[in-house]
Protein backbone atom coordinates (compact mmCIF):
# COMPACT_ATOMS: atom_id res chain seq x y z
CA UNK A 1 -16.60 -10.29 9.06
CA UNK A 2 -14.02 -8.62 6.81
CA UNK A 3 -14.65 -11.23 4.21
CA UNK A 4 -18.42 -10.59 4.15
CA UNK A 5 -17.69 -6.85 3.84
CA UNK A 6 -15.26 -7.35 1.02
CA UNK A 7 -17.79 -9.49 -0.92
CA UNK A 8 -20.45 -6.94 -0.30
CA UNK A 9 -18.11 -4.19 -1.55
CA UNK A 10 -17.13 -6.14 -4.64
CA UNK A 11 -20.85 -6.78 -5.39
CA UNK A 12 -21.52 -3.14 -5.03
CA UNK A 13 -18.85 -2.20 -7.44
CA UNK A 14 -19.98 -4.86 -9.98
CA UNK A 15 -23.62 -3.61 -9.68
CA UNK A 16 -22.39 -0.08 -10.12
CA UNK A 17 -20.33 -1.11 -13.27
CA UNK A 18 -23.41 -2.82 -14.74
CA UNK A 19 -25.71 0.18 -14.01
CA UNK A 20 -23.24 2.58 -15.60
CA UNK A 21 -22.83 0.32 -18.67
CA UNK A 22 -26.61 0.01 -19.20
CA UNK A 23 -27.14 3.65 -18.82
CA UNK A 24 -24.17 4.42 -21.05
CA UNK A 25 -25.84 2.22 -23.66
CA UNK A 26 -29.11 3.92 -23.32
CA UNK A 27 -27.62 7.51 -23.56
CA UNK A 28 -25.63 6.47 -26.64
CA UNK A 29 -28.86 5.18 -28.28
CA UNK A 30 -30.53 8.36 -27.19
CA UNK A 31 -27.93 10.60 -28.71
CA UNK A 32 -27.93 8.50 -31.83
CA UNK A 33 -31.66 8.80 -32.14
CA UNK A 34 -31.59 12.52 -31.51
CA UNK A 35 -28.81 13.01 -34.10
CA UNK A 36 -30.68 11.12 -36.75
CA UNK A 37 -34.11 12.40 -35.55
CA UNK A 38 -35.49 8.91 -34.80
CA UNK A 39 -38.35 8.69 -32.41
CA UNK A 40 -37.69 6.05 -29.80
CA UNK A 41 -40.72 6.61 -27.55
CA UNK A 42 -42.42 3.55 -26.26
CA UNK A 43 -46.12 3.05 -25.67
CA UNK A 44 -45.58 1.56 -22.20
CA UNK A 45 -43.30 4.18 -20.69
CA UNK A 46 -42.33 7.73 -21.64
CA UNK A 47 -38.86 8.75 -22.87
CA UNK A 48 -38.51 11.27 -20.02
CA UNK A 49 -39.32 8.61 -17.42
CA UNK A 50 -36.56 6.28 -18.86
CA UNK A 51 -34.11 9.27 -18.75
CA UNK A 52 -35.09 9.98 -15.14
CA UNK A 53 -34.70 6.35 -14.12
CA UNK A 54 -31.32 6.25 -15.86
CA UNK A 55 -30.08 9.47 -14.05
CA UNK A 56 -31.27 8.23 -10.66
CA UNK A 57 -29.54 4.88 -10.99
CA UNK A 58 -26.46 6.47 -12.15
CA UNK A 59 -26.61 8.72 -9.07
CA UNK A 60 -26.99 5.65 -6.92
CA UNK A 61 -24.06 3.96 -8.59
CA UNK A 62 -21.94 6.99 -8.31
CA UNK A 63 -22.78 7.09 -4.57
CA UNK A 64 -21.65 3.46 -4.14
CA UNK A 65 -18.46 4.17 -6.05
CA UNK A 66 -17.92 7.29 -3.98
CA UNK A 67 -18.31 5.39 -0.81
CA UNK A 68 -15.77 2.75 -1.95
CA UNK A 69 -13.29 5.58 -2.80
CA UNK A 70 -13.64 7.15 0.56
CA UNK A 71 -13.25 3.68 2.18
CA UNK A 72 -10.20 2.84 0.11
CA UNK A 73 -8.53 6.22 0.93
CA UNK A 74 -9.24 5.67 4.62
CA UNK A 75 -7.72 2.11 4.40
CA UNK A 76 -4.73 3.50 2.46
CA UNK A 77 -4.10 6.14 5.21
CA UNK A 78 -4.28 3.41 7.93
CA UNK A 79 -1.87 1.24 5.96
CA UNK A 80 0.56 4.12 5.52
CA UNK A 81 0.34 4.87 9.30
CA UNK A 82 1.02 1.15 10.04
CA UNK A 83 4.06 1.21 7.71
CA UNK A 84 5.33 4.37 9.29
CA UNK A 85 5.02 2.99 12.85
CA UNK A 86 6.55 -0.25 11.73
CA UNK A 87 9.63 1.41 10.07
CA UNK A 88 10.18 3.61 13.03
CA UNK A 89 9.82 0.57 15.45
CA UNK A 90 12.30 -1.34 13.25
CA UNK A 91 14.85 1.51 13.55
CA UNK A 92 14.28 1.59 17.25
CA UNK A 93 14.94 -2.20 17.45
CA UNK A 94 18.03 -1.86 15.28
CA UNK A 95 19.49 0.94 17.40
CA UNK A 96 18.74 -1.03 20.56
CA UNK A 97 20.76 -3.94 19.23
CA UNK A 98 23.54 -1.64 18.16
CA UNK A 99 23.82 -0.47 21.74
CA UNK A 100 23.66 -4.07 23.24
CA UNK A 101 26.45 -5.04 20.78
CA UNK A 102 28.37 -1.93 21.91
CA UNK A 103 28.93 -0.60 18.45
CA UNK A 104 30.63 2.83 18.20
CA UNK A 105 28.65 5.54 16.54
CA UNK A 106 30.68 5.07 13.36
CA UNK A 107 30.12 1.36 13.42
CA UNK A 108 26.49 1.81 14.02
CA UNK A 109 26.26 4.15 10.98
CA UNK A 110 28.14 1.72 8.83
CA UNK A 111 25.91 -1.25 10.01
CA UNK A 112 22.82 0.64 9.20
CA UNK A 113 24.03 1.42 5.66
CA UNK A 114 24.93 -2.25 5.32
CA UNK A 115 21.46 -3.10 6.37
CA UNK A 116 20.08 -0.86 3.81
CA UNK A 117 21.99 -2.79 1.19
CA UNK A 118 24.77 -0.33 0.34
CA UNK A 119 28.19 -1.49 -0.94
CA UNK A 120 31.41 -0.80 0.73
CA UNK A 121 32.29 1.75 -1.91
CA UNK A 122 28.91 3.50 -1.52
CA UNK A 123 29.39 3.68 2.34
CA UNK A 124 32.87 5.05 1.85
CA UNK A 125 31.59 7.72 -0.48
CA UNK A 126 28.69 8.67 1.82
CA UNK A 127 30.91 8.92 4.94
CA UNK A 128 33.81 10.49 3.03
CA UNK A 129 36.17 7.84 4.19
CA UNK A 130 38.29 5.22 2.37
CA UNK A 131 37.05 1.73 1.55
CA UNK A 132 39.76 0.31 3.86
CA UNK A 133 38.19 2.12 6.78
CA UNK A 134 34.76 0.87 5.97
CA UNK A 135 36.17 -2.70 5.70
CA UNK A 136 37.80 -2.43 9.05
CA UNK A 137 34.64 -1.16 10.58
CA UNK A 138 32.58 -3.79 8.91
CA UNK A 139 34.95 -6.54 10.33
CA UNK A 140 34.62 -5.06 13.77
CA UNK A 141 30.93 -5.08 13.38
CA UNK A 142 30.73 -8.78 12.47
CA UNK A 143 33.12 -9.57 15.29
CA UNK A 144 31.02 -7.81 17.77
CA UNK A 145 27.69 -9.19 16.58
CA UNK A 146 28.99 -12.70 16.10
CA UNK A 147 27.58 -12.73 12.56
CA UNK A 148 29.49 -13.89 9.57
CA UNK A 149 28.58 -11.21 7.07
CA UNK A 150 26.25 -8.67 5.53
CA UNK A 151 23.53 -11.28 4.72
CA UNK A 152 23.45 -12.52 8.27
CA UNK A 153 23.31 -8.98 9.59
CA UNK A 154 20.29 -8.16 7.39
CA UNK A 155 18.68 -11.57 8.03
CA UNK A 156 18.90 -11.06 11.86
CA UNK A 157 16.51 -8.15 11.60
CA UNK A 158 14.32 -9.30 8.72
CA UNK A 159 13.83 -12.68 10.74
CA UNK A 160 12.54 -10.55 13.81
CA UNK A 161 10.20 -8.78 11.45
CA UNK A 162 8.73 -11.89 9.90
CA UNK A 163 8.37 -13.65 13.31
CA UNK A 164 6.53 -10.75 14.83
CA UNK A 165 2.82 -10.02 15.07
CA UNK A 166 1.13 -7.84 12.38
CA UNK A 167 -1.84 -5.60 12.72
CA UNK A 168 -4.72 -6.21 10.36
CA UNK A 169 -7.76 -3.93 10.65
CA UNK A 170 -6.96 -2.95 14.22
CA UNK A 171 -6.65 -6.61 15.44
CA UNK A 172 -3.49 -8.52 16.01
CA UNK A 173 -2.77 -11.79 14.35
CA UNK A 174 0.21 -14.09 14.11
């Protein structure tokens, strides 16, 4: 169903683009004719009727584009909400593991900064401690978690993310 909707939306945008391009060409020719005082009336349809038709089709095309913008903004908000929920859930999962591993509050803070990709020196600067202290806490973290290093610590949580379910358009998929 989503694929059909996407195809319809793309076709609507293509149609709108073509309508706008044709109307743009007409209005450029019209301005050129007015500027050089060239009469472009036809015998089969009046100039005013052509302009009216162009304006009405432009209005229709703008309506389609407006609906697409509203749809995309709504989809963007939904995706932002999903990311916000996912990031909050990830933090909850990480905190739960820290508790299970019996990390001290300081070790949990260092572990979280390690997961965020910060260097030992950056962690020491943020926590106003010496790099030796951070290295000691890092060693304790790896010992308590039975992980070999920073990469395994990050991979531990990334693997859970990639193995989990994701929400697409309100439906769950694996």
